[in-house]
C-alpha atoms as a PDB file:
ATOM      1  CA  MET A   1      11.753 -14.146 -17.480  1.00  0.00           C
ATOM      2  CA  SER A   2      13.985 -11.641 -15.728  1.00  0.00           C
ATOM      3  CA  PRO A   3      14.628 -12.301 -12.028  1.00  0.00           C
ATOM      4  CA  LYS A   4      12.630  -9.143 -11.308  1.00  0.00           C
ATOM      5  CA  GLU A   5      10.120  -7.084 -13.229  1.00  0.00           C
ATOM      6  CA  ALA A   6       9.005  -3.541 -12.411  1.00  0.00           C
ATOM      7  CA  LEU A   7       5.290  -2.754 -12.436  1.00  0.00           C
ATOM      8  CA  HIS A   8       3.818   0.631 -13.253  1.00  0.00           C
ATOM      9  CA  THR A   9       0.319   2.075 -13.290  1.00  0.00           C
ATOM     10  CA  THR A  10      -0.988   5.596 -13.730  1.00  0.00           C
ATOM     11  CA  ASP A  11      -3.777   4.672 -11.283  1.00  0.00           C
ATOM     12  CA  ALA A  12      -1.450   5.081  -8.301  1.00  0.00           C
ATOM     13  CA  PRO A  13       0.893   7.922  -7.292  1.00  0.00           C
ATOM     14  CA  GLN A  14       4.075   8.066  -9.337  1.00  0.00           C
ATOM     15  CA  PRO A  15       7.428   7.425  -7.643  1.00  0.00           C
ATOM     16  CA  ALA A  16       9.041  10.521  -6.184  1.00  0.00           C
ATOM     17  CA  GLY A  17      12.535   9.099  -6.650  1.00  0.00           C
ATOM     18  CA  PRO A  18      14.553   6.275  -8.177  1.00  0.00           C
ATOM     19  CA  TYR A  19      12.284   3.372  -7.207  1.00  0.00           C
ATOM     20  CA  SER A  20       9.499   1.281  -8.726  1.00  0.00           C
ATOM     21  CA  GLN A  21       5.857   1.218  -7.680  1.00  0.00           C
ATOM     22  CA  ALA A  22       6.243  -2.538  -7.375  1.00  0.00           C
ATOM     23  CA  ILE A  23       8.586  -5.380  -8.264  1.00  0.00           C
ATOM     24  CA  VAL A  24       7.578  -8.915  -9.187  1.00  0.00           C
ATOM     25  CA  SER A  25      10.035 -11.729  -8.555  1.00  0.00           C
ATOM     26  CA  GLY A  26       8.755 -15.220  -9.187  1.00  0.00           C
ATOM     27  CA  ASP A  27       5.311 -15.442  -7.627  1.00  0.00           C
ATOM     28  CA  LEU A  28       5.902 -12.592  -5.165  1.00  0.00           C
ATOM     29  CA  LEU A  29       4.944  -8.952  -5.653  1.00  0.00           C
ATOM     30  CA  PHE A  30       6.549  -6.280  -3.440  1.00  0.00           C
ATOM     31  CA  THR A  31       5.114  -2.760  -3.414  1.00  0.00           C
ATOM     32  CA  ALA A  32       6.846   0.463  -2.567  1.00  0.00           C
ATOM     33  CA  GLY A  33       5.560   2.335   0.446  1.00  0.00           C
ATOM     34  CA  PHE A  34       2.489   4.196  -0.770  1.00  0.00           C
ATOM     35  CA  GLY A  35       1.166   7.402   0.690  1.00  0.00           C
ATOM     36  CA  PRO A  36      -2.377   8.749   0.568  1.00  0.00           C
ATOM     37  CA  GLN A  37      -2.128  10.976  -2.498  1.00  0.00           C
ATOM     38  CA  ASP A  38      -5.052  10.705  -4.889  1.00  0.00           C
ATOM     39  CA  PRO A  39      -3.310   9.817  -8.190  1.00  0.00           C
ATOM     40  CA  ALA A  40      -5.726  11.937 -10.250  1.00  0.00           C
ATOM     41  CA  THR A  41      -5.618  15.123  -8.173  1.00  0.00           C
ATOM     42  CA  GLY A  42      -2.604  14.818  -5.853  1.00  0.00           C
ATOM     43  CA  GLU A  43      -4.885  15.742  -2.960  1.00  0.00           C
ATOM     44  CA  VAL A  44      -4.409  14.292   0.532  1.00  0.00           C
ATOM     45  CA  SER A  45      -7.209  14.027   3.082  1.00  0.00           C
ATOM     46  CA  ASP A  46      -6.684  15.291   6.630  1.00  0.00           C
ATOM     47  CA  SER A  47      -8.338  12.204   8.149  1.00  0.00           C
ATOM     48  CA  VAL A  48      -6.266   9.162   9.147  1.00  0.00           C
ATOM     49  CA  ALA A  49      -9.154   6.885   8.124  1.00  0.00           C
ATOM     50  CA  GLU A  50      -9.470   8.432   4.666  1.00  0.00           C
ATOM     51  CA  GLN A  51      -5.687   8.489   4.203  1.00  0.00           C
ATOM     52  CA  THR A  52      -5.649   4.766   5.040  1.00  0.00           C
ATOM     53  CA  ARG A  53      -8.415   4.079   2.508  1.00  0.00           C
ATOM     54  CA  GLN A  54      -6.608   6.018  -0.238  1.00  0.00           C
ATOM     55  CA  VAL A  55      -3.299   4.266   0.454  1.00  0.00           C
ATOM     56  CA  LEU A  56      -5.027   0.906   0.116  1.00  0.00           C
ATOM     57  CA  ARG A  57      -6.809   2.006  -3.086  1.00  0.00           C
ATOM     58  CA  ASN A  58      -3.382   2.995  -4.458  1.00  0.00           C
ATOM     59  CA  ILE A  59      -2.000  -0.438  -3.577  1.00  0.00           C
ATOM     60  CA  GLN A  60      -5.056  -2.125  -5.112  1.00  0.00           C
ATOM     61  CA  ALA A  61      -4.315  -0.326  -8.393  1.00  0.00           C
ATOM     62  CA  VAL A  62      -0.772  -1.720  -8.471  1.00  0.00           C
ATOM     63  CA  LEU A  63      -1.923  -5.236  -7.582  1.00  0.00           C
ATOM     64  CA  ALA A  64      -4.513  -5.079 -10.373  1.00  0.00           C
ATOM     65  CA  GLU A  65      -1.685  -4.685 -12.915  1.00  0.00           C
ATOM     66  CA  ARG A  66      -0.950  -8.385 -12.307  1.00  0.00           C
ATOM     67  CA  GLY A  67      -4.539  -9.512 -11.743  1.00  0.00           C
ATOM     68  CA  ALA A  68      -4.032  -9.629  -7.980  1.00  0.00           C
ATOM     69  CA  SER A  69      -6.021  -8.156  -5.105  1.00  0.00           C
ATOM     70  CA  LEU A  70      -5.626  -7.476  -1.407  1.00  0.00           C
ATOM     71  CA  ASP A  71      -6.825 -11.061  -0.835  1.00  0.00           C
ATOM     72  CA  ASP A  72      -3.390 -12.100  -2.150  1.00  0.00           C
ATOM     73  CA  ALA A  73      -1.536 -10.065   0.495  1.00  0.00           C
ATOM     74  CA  LEU A  74       0.866 -11.968   2.735  1.00  0.00           C
ATOM     75  CA  LYS A  75       2.362  -9.080   4.724  1.00  0.00           C
ATOM     76  CA  THR A  76       1.899  -5.366   5.185  1.00  0.00           C
ATOM     77  CA  THR A  77       4.152  -2.835   6.852  1.00  0.00           C
ATOM     78  CA  VAL A  78       2.343   0.238   8.124  1.00  0.00           C
ATOM     79  CA  HIS A  79       3.929   3.530   9.111  1.00  0.00           C
ATOM     80  CA  LEU A  80       1.813   5.916  11.189  1.00  0.00           C
ATOM     81  CA  ALA A  81       2.969   9.449  11.891  1.00  0.00           C
ATOM     82  CA  ASP A  82       1.242   9.211  15.290  1.00  0.00           C
ATOM     83  CA  LEU A  83       0.572   5.877  16.975  1.00  0.00           C
ATOM     84  CA  ALA A  84      -2.291   7.558  18.850  1.00  0.00           C
ATOM     85  CA  ASP A  85      -4.162   7.283  15.512  1.00  0.00           C
ATOM     86  CA  PHE A  86      -3.971   3.471  15.586  1.00  0.00           C
ATOM     87  CA  GLN A  87      -7.664   2.794  16.314  1.00  0.00           C
ATOM     88  CA  GLU A  88      -8.891   5.085  13.526  1.00  0.00           C
ATOM     89  CA  PHE A  89      -6.344   3.589  11.124  1.00  0.00           C
ATOM     90  CA  ASN A  90      -7.185   0.011  12.129  1.00  0.00           C
ATOM     91  CA  ALA A  91     -10.938   0.455  11.580  1.00  0.00           C
ATOM     92  CA  ALA A  92     -10.362   1.747   8.021  1.00  0.00           C
ATOM     93  CA  TYR A  93      -7.714  -0.912   7.290  1.00  0.00           C
ATOM     94  CA  ARG A  94     -10.148  -3.645   8.379  1.00  0.00           C
ATOM     95  CA  GLU A  95     -12.595  -2.565   5.614  1.00  0.00           C
ATOM     96  CA  PHE A  96     -10.136  -3.786   2.953  1.00  0.00           C
ATOM     97  CA  PHE A  97      -9.077  -7.212   4.244  1.00  0.00           C
ATOM     98  CA  SER A  98     -10.794 -10.483   5.055  1.00  0.00           C
ATOM     99  CA  GLU A  99      -9.613 -13.510   6.997  1.00  0.00           C
ATOM    100  CA  PRO A 100      -7.056 -14.899   6.962  1.00  0.00           C
ATOM    101  CA  PHE A 101      -5.561 -11.433   7.384  1.00  0.00           C
ATOM    102  CA  PRO A 102      -2.035 -10.770   6.160  1.00  0.00           C
ATOM    103  CA  VAL A 103       0.605 -10.480   8.856  1.00  0.00           C
ATOM    104  CA  ARG A 104       1.282  -6.863   9.711  1.00  0.00           C
ATOM    105  CA  THR A 105       3.927  -4.702  11.311  1.00  0.00           C
ATOM    106  CA  THR A 106       2.805  -1.246  12.449  1.00  0.00           C
ATOM    107  CA  VAL A 107       5.365   1.345  13.521  1.00  0.00           C
ATOM    108  CA  GLY A 108       5.493   5.017  14.348  1.00  0.00           C
ATOM    109  CA  SER A 109       7.491   6.944  11.761  1.00  0.00           C
ATOM    110  CA  GLN A 110       8.386  10.481  10.909  1.00  0.00           C
ATOM    111  CA  LEU A 111       6.474  10.968   7.634  1.00  0.00           C
ATOM    112  CA  ALA A 112       6.627  13.912   5.228  1.00  0.00           C
ATOM    113  CA  ASN A 113       3.275  15.712   5.590  1.00  0.00           C
ATOM    114  CA  ILE A 114       1.205  12.518   5.589  1.00  0.00           C
ATOM    115  CA  LYS A 115      -0.198  10.361   8.371  1.00  0.00           C
ATOM    116  CA  VAL A 116      -0.111   6.862   6.802  1.00  0.00           C
ATOM    117  CA  GLU A 117       2.228   4.908   4.521  1.00  0.00           C
ATOM    118  CA  ILE A 118       1.853   1.206   3.709  1.00  0.00           C
ATOM    119  CA  ASP A 119       3.842  -1.323   1.702  1.00  0.00           C
ATOM    120  CA  LEU A 120       2.779  -4.862   0.961  1.00  0.00           C
ATOM    121  CA  VAL A 121       4.035  -8.274  -0.148  1.00  0.00           C
ATOM    122  CA  ALA A 122       1.608 -10.482  -2.094  1.00  0.00           C
ATOM    123  CA  ARG A 123       1.684 -13.885  -3.758  1.00  0.00           C
ATOM    124  CA  ILE A 124       0.481 -13.693  -7.340  1.00  0.00           C
ATOM    125  CA  GLY A 125      -0.563 -16.259  -9.882  1.00  0.00           C
ATOM    126  CA  ALA A 126      -1.472 -18.819  -7.228  1.00  0.00           C
END
């Protein structure tokens, strides 16, 4: 097996540049930072909560390519365009994860016309 393998699904937004949706190396899966675009329509909700849900659905689609789920997540990195939206984001995020929760870093970032971007590291094949 190659030291790294790119994953691709049409059920998540396509890369907007020279990067992969996800890379698998050994038993670790690393996703790109996903935004809240609906992969079928390209639409983006105005709500932070709904953007968070769509981002996590996009990540779920990539994880599913290797038979993984959000339960396999070890770490997430979250970028919020406005940290004042943290409570709304956090409530939606909580809907997708169960204990033990993955570790998480949340930062304020200048994002391109979106409010939420998330990337994730998961252990697969455990």
